[in-house]
Amino acid sequence: MNFVAFRMLTGDRAKYFGIIFGITFAAMLITQQASIFVGLMTRTFGFITDTTQPDIWVMDAKVQFIDDIKPMQDTTLLRIRGVEGIQWAMPLYKGLIKARLENGTFQSCNVIGVDDATLIGGPAEMVEGSLADLRISEGVIVDEVGARSRLARRPTDEAGRPIEGAAPVPLKVGDTLELNDRRAVVVGICRVSRTFQSQPVVYTTYSRATQFAPRERKLLSFILVKAEPGQDIDQLCQRIKSETGLDALKSWDFSVRTYSYFMKYTGIPINFGISVALGFFVGTAVAGQTFYNFTLDNLRHFGALKAMGASNWMLLRMIILQALIVGVIGYGLGVGIASTFGIISRNSELAFRLLPQTLVITGCAIVIICILASLLSIIKVIRLEPAIVFKA
């Protein structure tokens, strides 16, 4: 009977491919939009995951996410270092500073200032140069995406005018730029996670970053803390909070706070949720309508099987098998198309991150679509009278 069910399914090629198309479209759209959403949310706390050395981030109690900077006084660092159970505590500056390029244009950059002595908080992966080169006078390290895109130099002619159609020249080691009217020399190129706003990332030392930054009474953005071996990190966080009045979060907890802010206060979840729901309902409608028409066209075959003694349960298994076949094929094609799209766009501005959980969610959605698509067909076949075979 399984072979009969398969032959019935593939007998009308147009309807067969129509059902697969509906399920493929749903699987592709759900997987793609969910992966873009995950990638976008991952970018909101990418800087936290890139900074792997500290166990705890200490900040002002009113900070809501990583870019919500509430500067602290430099003396706060000494108070943190006095808390029991801390192996080391290092300052970190993070702020938006405008860079002036050689052609006179301006570009906002995420400037990160790391501890002068230890360079803790610096980029983990260097493409050119080394982290120690930050100790060179006026030295900065630029991320590779920013160096070849927004900070790239525009070729000019002898008169200094931009050459139309000429490809930008990526920023390289030895080039200079101005940060808040102060000269900076590129001493290295690093690879970091892309930021939510996609601004170039510039690393330098903490003391130099405070010189680049506009003058304020408070400039200390965060304090990076490493716990002593064997120290309970949760208890240390509570100790820091009670003794200093500041907020102390583990790296993952700070990441959760960051993406929770974007989930709660932006329209991103709603927009992507509508896209996923659209894929689900369109897939259900197309697959359901086509599958129901397929069943109507094959009522005589189902009636003949009933007349020959086939039970409702046997016919039900045939419909389930048919739905399972098109569901597996459609799921595989949809996920494959979405994955190919992610591979093609992996070096672009588009955020795409495909997780195993996304595949499971898509699989569950396809199962529901197949159940809904076959439900009307199941009801029609169960109520079918075998006498339909003998009707003219």
Protein backbone atom coordinates (compact mmCIF):
# COMPACT_ATOMS: atom_id res chain seq x y z
CA MET A 1 0.00 0.00 0.00
CA ASN A 2 2.94 2.32 0.55
CA PHE A 3 3.93 2.00 -3.09
CA VAL A 4 0.34 2.71 -4.14
CA ALA A 5 0.32 5.84 -1.96
CA PHE A 6 3.57 7.03 -3.53
CA ARG A 7 2.31 6.39 -7.07
CA MET A 8 -0.90 8.29 -6.31
CA LEU A 9 1.16 11.20 -4.94
CA THR A 10 3.44 11.48 -7.96
CA GLY A 11 0.78 10.67 -10.56
CA ASP A 12 -0.16 14.34 -11.03
CA ARG A 13 3.23 16.05 -11.30
CA ALA A 14 1.80 19.56 -11.21
CA LYS A 15 0.03 19.04 -7.88
CA TYR A 16 2.96 17.04 -6.52
CA PHE A 17 5.43 19.85 -7.21
CA GLY A 18 2.89 22.42 -6.03
CA ILE A 19 2.72 20.81 -2.58
CA ILE A 20 6.52 20.60 -2.39
CA PHE A 21 6.83 24.24 -3.48
CA GLY A 22 4.53 25.43 -0.70
CA ILE A 23 6.42 23.52 1.99
CA THR A 24 9.81 24.51 0.54
CA PHE A 25 8.83 28.19 0.55
CA ALA A 26 7.67 27.96 4.17
CA ALA A 27 10.81 26.13 5.35
CA MET A 28 13.08 28.53 3.46
CA LEU A 29 11.40 31.70 4.75
CA ILE A 30 11.15 30.49 8.36
CA THR A 31 14.79 29.35 8.43
CA GLN A 32 16.12 32.45 6.65
CA GLN A 33 14.24 35.04 8.69
CA ALA A 34 14.89 33.26 11.99
CA SER A 35 18.62 33.02 11.18
CA ILE A 36 18.83 36.70 10.23
CA PHE A 37 17.05 37.58 13.47
CA VAL A 38 19.49 35.46 15.51
CA GLY A 39 22.44 36.97 13.65
CA LEU A 40 21.18 40.49 14.28
CA MET A 41 20.65 39.82 17.98
CA THR A 42 24.10 38.22 18.22
CA ARG A 43 25.65 41.40 16.86
CA THR A 44 24.17 43.42 19.72
CA PHE A 45 26.52 41.72 22.21
CA GLY A 46 29.33 40.73 19.83
CA PHE A 47 31.82 42.98 21.61
CA ILE A 48 31.15 41.16 24.90
CA THR A 49 31.77 37.74 23.40
CA ASP A 50 34.92 39.02 21.67
CA THR A 51 36.31 40.16 25.03
CA THR A 52 37.04 36.76 26.54
CA GLN A 53 39.54 37.57 29.32
CA PRO A 54 37.26 38.92 32.09
CA ASP A 55 34.79 36.93 34.17
CA ILE A 56 32.83 40.00 35.30
CA TRP A 57 31.87 43.35 33.81
CA VAL A 58 31.49 46.17 36.34
CA MET A 59 29.44 49.21 35.30
CA ASP A 60 27.13 51.93 36.50
CA ALA A 61 23.92 50.48 37.92
CA LYS A 62 21.81 52.28 35.31
CA VAL A 63 23.50 50.70 32.26
CA GLN A 64 20.88 48.88 30.15
CA PHE A 65 23.03 47.42 27.34
CA ILE A 66 26.60 47.42 26.06
CA ASP A 67 26.32 50.73 24.16
CA ASP A 68 24.44 52.50 26.95
CA ILE A 69 27.56 54.05 28.47
CA LYS A 70 27.31 55.67 31.91
CA PRO A 71 30.90 56.79 32.64
CA MET A 72 32.43 56.31 36.08
CA GLN A 73 35.23 58.13 37.87
CA ASP A 74 38.73 56.68 37.46
CA THR A 75 38.99 56.27 41.25
CA THR A 76 36.28 53.60 40.99
CA LEU A 77 38.94 51.24 39.64
CA LEU A 78 40.84 51.36 42.93
CA ARG A 79 37.67 50.59 44.88
CA ILE A 80 37.01 47.53 42.73
CA ARG A 81 40.58 46.29 43.14
CA GLY A 82 40.08 46.44 46.90
CA VAL A 83 37.24 43.90 46.84
CA GLU A 84 38.21 40.48 48.17
CA GLY A 85 38.36 37.63 45.63
CA ILE A 86 39.51 39.68 42.62
CA GLN A 87 42.64 38.56 40.77
CA TRP A 88 42.80 41.67 38.58
CA ALA A 89 40.60 44.59 37.51
CA MET A 90 41.36 46.63 34.38
CA PRO A 91 39.81 49.80 32.91
CA LEU A 92 38.01 49.88 29.58
CA TYR A 93 36.93 52.87 27.54
CA LYS A 94 34.19 52.50 24.93
CA GLY A 95 32.71 55.36 22.99
CA LEU A 96 31.78 56.80 19.61
CA ILE A 97 34.40 59.20 18.21
CA LYS A 98 34.41 60.75 14.75
CA ALA A 99 37.38 59.93 12.57
CA ARG A 100 38.48 62.39 9.89
CA LEU A 101 39.75 60.65 6.77
CA GLU A 102 42.36 61.87 4.31
CA ASN A 103 39.72 63.22 1.92
CA GLY A 104 38.15 65.32 4.68
CA THR A 105 35.06 63.18 5.28
CA PHE A 106 34.04 62.01 8.74
CA GLN A 107 33.09 58.56 10.00
CA SER A 108 31.89 57.64 13.49
CA CYS A 109 33.98 54.84 15.02
CA ASN A 110 33.63 52.61 18.05
CA VAL A 111 36.83 53.46 19.92
CA ILE A 112 37.95 50.90 22.52
CA GLY A 113 40.60 51.88 25.05
CA VAL A 114 42.32 48.94 26.81
CA ASP A 115 44.66 48.88 29.79
CA ASP A 116 48.04 50.39 28.86
CA ALA A 117 50.16 47.85 30.72
CA THR A 118 48.40 44.54 30.11
CA LEU A 119 46.32 45.37 26.99
CA ILE A 120 43.50 43.29 28.48
CA GLY A 121 40.33 43.85 26.47
CA GLY A 122 42.14 43.99 23.13
CA PRO A 123 41.12 42.06 20.00
CA ALA A 124 41.63 38.31 20.18
CA GLU A 125 42.49 37.82 16.49
CA MET A 126 45.04 39.93 14.64
CA VAL A 127 45.22 39.93 10.83
CA GLU A 128 48.25 42.24 10.54
CA GLY A 129 50.62 43.48 13.22
CA SER A 130 50.41 42.48 16.88
CA LEU A 131 48.50 43.66 19.92
CA ALA A 132 51.75 44.85 21.52
CA ASP A 133 52.09 47.42 18.72
CA LEU A 134 49.45 49.48 20.52
CA ARG A 135 52.26 50.70 22.73
CA ILE A 136 53.74 52.53 19.72
CA SER A 137 53.16 56.27 19.93
CA GLU A 138 49.77 57.28 18.48
CA GLY A 139 49.10 53.64 17.55
CA VAL A 140 45.63 52.25 16.85
CA ILE A 141 44.34 48.90 15.57
CA VAL A 142 41.41 48.92 13.12
CA ASP A 143 39.03 46.05 12.35
CA GLU A 144 39.43 44.63 8.84
CA VAL A 145 35.84 45.25 7.73
CA GLY A 146 36.03 48.93 8.65
CA ALA A 147 39.50 49.21 7.11
CA ARG A 148 38.30 48.04 3.69
CA SER A 149 34.90 49.75 3.71
CA ARG A 150 34.02 52.86 5.70
CA LEU A 151 37.58 53.89 6.52
CA ALA A 152 38.95 53.07 3.07
CA ARG A 153 40.68 55.88 1.19
CA ARG A 154 39.11 57.23 -2.01
CA PRO A 155 41.61 57.51 -4.90
CA THR A 156 42.18 61.08 -6.12
CA ASP A 157 43.77 62.64 -9.19
CA GLU A 158 46.69 65.05 -9.22
CA ALA A 159 44.37 67.92 -8.37
CA GLY A 160 43.09 66.06 -5.30
CA ARG A 161 39.66 65.36 -6.75
CA PRO A 162 38.04 61.92 -6.25
CA ILE A 163 38.30 59.62 -9.27
CA GLU A 164 34.87 58.52 -10.41
CA GLY A 165 34.38 54.75 -10.42
CA ALA A 166 37.75 54.02 -8.79
CA ALA A 167 37.73 51.26 -6.17
CA PRO A 168 38.43 52.41 -2.57
CA VAL A 169 41.88 51.65 -1.20
CA PRO A 170 41.65 49.74 2.12
CA LEU A 171 43.27 51.29 5.16
CA LYS A 172 46.56 49.55 5.87
CA VAL A 173 49.31 49.49 8.48
CA GLY A 174 51.20 52.77 8.40
CA ASP A 175 48.24 54.90 7.26
CA THR A 176 47.02 57.75 9.43
CA LEU A 177 43.67 59.21 10.39
CA GLU A 178 42.42 61.82 12.84
CA LEU A 179 40.32 61.01 15.89
CA ASN A 180 38.79 64.15 17.38
CA ASP A 181 41.52 66.27 15.71
CA ARG A 182 44.30 64.06 17.09
CA ARG A 183 46.62 62.07 14.84
CA ALA A 184 46.42 58.28 14.96
CA VAL A 185 48.67 55.78 13.18
CA VAL A 186 47.34 52.38 12.12
CA VAL A 187 49.70 49.76 13.59
CA GLY A 188 47.53 46.68 13.06
CA ILE A 189 44.41 45.17 11.51
CA CYS A 190 42.19 42.88 13.61
CA ARG A 191 39.16 40.66 13.07
CA VAL A 192 36.17 41.21 15.37
CA SER A 193 32.46 40.49 15.35
CA ARG A 194 30.43 43.04 13.44
CA THR A 195 28.60 45.57 15.58
CA PHE A 196 24.87 46.20 15.57
CA GLN A 197 25.34 49.67 14.02
CA SER A 198 28.21 48.39 11.79
CA GLN A 199 30.59 51.23 12.68
CA PRO A 200 34.32 50.59 12.32
CA VAL A 201 36.03 49.43 15.52
CA VAL A 202 39.26 51.13 16.59
CA TYR A 203 41.39 49.79 19.46
CA THR A 204 43.96 51.85 21.34
CA THR A 205 45.30 52.20 24.86
CA TYR A 206 43.11 53.56 27.65
CA SER A 207 45.20 56.69 28.22
CA ARG A 208 45.25 57.47 24.49
CA ALA A 209 41.51 56.84 24.17
CA THR A 210 40.80 59.38 26.91
CA GLN A 211 42.84 61.88 24.88
CA PHE A 212 40.87 61.12 21.73
CA ALA A 213 37.54 61.40 23.56
CA PRO A 214 35.82 64.73 24.15
CA ARG A 215 36.77 66.09 27.56
CA GLU A 216 34.43 64.95 30.31
CA ARG A 217 34.75 64.64 34.04
CA LYS A 218 34.14 60.88 33.86
CA LEU A 219 35.55 58.65 31.10
CA LEU A 220 35.76 55.15 32.59
CA SER A 221 33.15 53.07 30.73
CA PHE A 222 33.60 49.58 32.22
CA ILE A 223 35.89 47.68 34.56
CA LEU A 224 36.93 44.19 33.48
CA VAL A 225 37.35 41.82 36.42
CA LYS A 226 39.00 38.42 36.69
CA ALA A 227 38.10 36.31 39.72
CA GLU A 228 40.71 34.48 41.75
CA PRO A 229 40.97 30.71 41.09
CA GLY A 230 38.28 28.83 43.01
CA GLN A 231 36.27 31.97 43.67
CA ASP A 232 32.50 31.69 43.20
CA ILE A 233 31.73 34.27 40.51
CA ASP A 234 28.11 34.81 41.55
CA GLN A 235 29.15 35.54 45.11
CA LEU A 236 31.88 37.88 43.87
CA CYS A 237 29.34 39.80 41.81
CA GLN A 238 27.14 40.23 44.87
CA ARG A 239 30.15 41.35 46.94
CA ILE A 240 31.07 44.00 44.35
CA LYS A 241 27.50 45.28 44.27
CA SER A 242 27.17 45.50 48.04
CA GLU A 243 30.58 47.16 48.63
CA THR A 244 30.60 49.63 45.73
CA GLY A 245 26.97 50.21 44.74
CA LEU A 246 27.89 49.42 41.12
CA ASP A 247 26.47 46.69 38.94
CA ALA A 248 28.54 43.55 38.32
CA LEU A 249 27.51 40.98 35.74
CA LYS A 250 29.04 37.84 34.34
CA SER A 251 29.83 38.09 30.63
CA TRP A 252 26.87 35.95 29.58
CA ASP A 253 24.49 37.80 31.92
CA PHE A 254 25.60 41.09 30.38
CA SER A 255 24.97 39.63 26.92
CA VAL A 256 21.48 38.55 28.00
CA ARG A 257 20.76 42.04 29.36
CA THR A 258 21.90 43.57 26.07
CA TYR A 259 19.83 41.49 23.67
CA SER A 260 16.85 41.59 26.08
CA TYR A 261 16.90 45.37 25.77
CA PHE A 262 16.68 45.16 21.99
CA MET A 263 13.99 42.51 22.22
CA LYS A 264 11.90 44.68 24.54
CA TYR A 265 12.42 48.20 23.25
CA THR A 266 12.79 47.78 19.47
CA GLY A 267 10.47 46.53 16.76
CA ILE A 268 12.92 43.90 15.52
CA PRO A 269 11.15 40.84 17.05
CA ILE A 270 7.77 41.97 15.67
CA ASN A 271 9.11 42.57 12.17
CA PHE A 272 10.86 39.21 11.93
CA GLY A 273 7.96 37.46 13.69
CA ILE A 274 5.59 38.73 10.99
CA SER A 275 7.90 37.38 8.27
CA VAL A 276 8.10 33.95 9.93
CA ALA A 277 4.32 33.86 10.44
CA LEU A 278 3.81 34.86 6.81
CA GLY A 279 5.97 31.97 5.64
CA PHE A 280 4.04 29.60 7.89
CA PHE A 281 0.57 30.67 6.75
CA VAL A 282 1.46 30.92 3.06
CA GLY A 283 3.07 27.48 3.18
CA THR A 284 0.02 26.06 4.96
CA ALA A 285 -2.39 27.66 2.49
CA VAL A 286 -0.53 26.56 -0.65
CA ALA A 287 0.24 23.05 0.58
CA GLY A 288 -3.21 22.57 2.12
CA GLN A 289 -5.14 23.73 -0.94
CA THR A 290 -3.02 21.68 -3.33
CA PHE A 291 -3.10 18.58 -1.12
CA TYR A 292 -6.89 18.83 -0.77
CA ASN A 293 -7.33 19.14 -4.56
CA PHE A 294 -5.02 16.15 -4.96
CA THR A 295 -7.27 14.15 -2.61
CA LEU A 296 -10.42 15.17 -4.49
CA ASP A 297 -8.85 14.01 -7.75
CA ASN A 298 -8.05 10.63 -6.19
CA LEU A 299 -11.35 10.01 -4.37
CA ARG A 300 -12.22 7.23 -6.79
CA HIS A 301 -8.95 5.46 -6.02
CA PHE A 302 -9.54 5.76 -2.27
CA GLY A 303 -13.13 4.57 -2.79
CA ALA A 304 -11.91 1.55 -4.76
CA LEU A 305 -9.50 0.66 -1.96
CA LYS A 306 -12.32 0.95 0.55
CA ALA A 307 -14.53 -1.25 -1.60
CA MET A 308 -11.77 -3.88 -1.65
CA GLY A 309 -11.72 -3.92 2.16
CA ALA A 310 -9.14 -1.28 3.07
CA SER A 311 -9.86 0.17 6.50
CA ASN A 312 -9.96 3.86 7.38
CA TRP A 313 -6.75 3.38 9.33
CA MET A 314 -4.97 2.02 6.25
CA LEU A 315 -6.12 4.97 4.13
CA LEU A 316 -5.11 7.31 6.93
CA ARG A 317 -1.61 5.82 6.90
CA MET A 318 -1.42 6.34 3.14
CA ILE A 319 -2.26 10.06 3.49
CA ILE A 320 0.19 10.46 6.36
CA LEU A 321 2.90 8.78 4.27
CA GLN A 322 2.17 11.15 1.37
CA ALA A 323 2.33 14.17 3.70
CA LEU A 324 5.56 12.83 5.21
CA ILE A 325 7.21 12.43 1.79
CA VAL A 326 6.44 15.97 0.62
CA GLY A 327 7.27 17.35 4.10
CA VAL A 328 10.74 15.80 4.19
CA ILE A 329 11.52 16.86 0.62
CA GLY A 330 10.19 20.39 1.15
CA TYR A 331 12.01 20.76 4.48
CA GLY A 332 15.30 19.62 2.97
CA LEU A 333 15.00 21.93 -0.03
CA GLY A 334 13.92 24.93 2.07
CA VAL A 335 16.67 24.55 4.65
CA GLY A 336 19.20 23.92 1.90
CA ILE A 337 18.22 27.10 0.04
CA ALA A 338 18.36 29.15 3.25
CA SER A 339 21.76 27.67 4.18
CA THR A 340 23.13 28.43 0.70
CA PHE A 341 21.87 31.98 1.06
CA GLY A 342 23.70 32.26 4.38
CA ILE A 343 26.95 30.93 2.89
CA ILE A 344 26.77 33.37 -0.02
CA SER A 345 26.12 36.35 2.28
CA ARG A 346 28.57 35.41 5.06
CA ASN A 347 31.02 38.21 4.17
CA SER A 348 28.36 40.87 3.61
CA GLU A 349 26.65 43.35 5.90
CA LEU A 350 23.76 40.92 6.31
CA ALA A 351 23.58 39.22 9.70
CA PHE A 352 22.96 35.47 9.33
CA ARG A 353 23.49 32.80 11.98
CA LEU A 354 21.92 29.37 11.55
CA LEU A 355 21.59 27.49 14.84
CA PRO A 356 20.60 23.83 15.37
CA GLN A 357 17.63 25.13 17.37
CA THR A 358 16.45 27.00 14.27
CA LEU A 359 16.44 23.77 12.27
CA VAL A 360 14.38 22.09 15.01
CA ILE A 361 11.89 24.98 15.08
CA THR A 362 11.58 24.90 11.30
CA GLY A 363 11.10 21.13 11.41
CA CYS A 364 8.29 21.49 13.97
CA ALA A 365 6.64 24.18 11.83
CA ILE A 366 6.78 21.92 8.77
CA VAL A 367 5.25 19.05 10.75
CA ILE A 368 2.36 21.34 11.75
CA ILE A 369 1.96 22.53 8.14
CA CYS A 370 1.82 18.92 6.93
CA ILE A 371 -0.74 18.02 9.59
CA LEU A 372 -2.95 21.00 8.73
CA ALA A 373 -2.53 20.39 5.00
CA SER A 374 -3.59 16.74 5.27
CA LEU A 375 -6.33 17.25 7.88
CA LEU A 376 -9.07 18.13 5.39
CA SER A 377 -7.99 15.27 3.16
CA ILE A 378 -8.15 12.83 6.08
CA ILE A 379 -11.68 13.95 7.00
CA LYS A 380 -12.80 13.67 3.37
CA VAL A 381 -11.41 10.16 2.96
CA ILE A 382 -12.80 8.88 6.30
CA ARG A 383 -16.30 10.08 5.32
CA LEU A 384 -15.95 8.61 1.84
CA GLU A 385 -18.54 6.03 0.76
CA PRO A 386 -17.14 3.10 -1.27
CA ALA A 387 -20.17 3.39 -3.58
CA ILE A 388 -18.57 6.42 -5.21
CA VAL A 389 -16.66 3.95 -7.39
CA PHE A 390 -19.89 2.86 -9.09
CA LYS A 391 -21.16 6.39 -9.78
CA ALA A 392 -21.11 7.51 -13.37
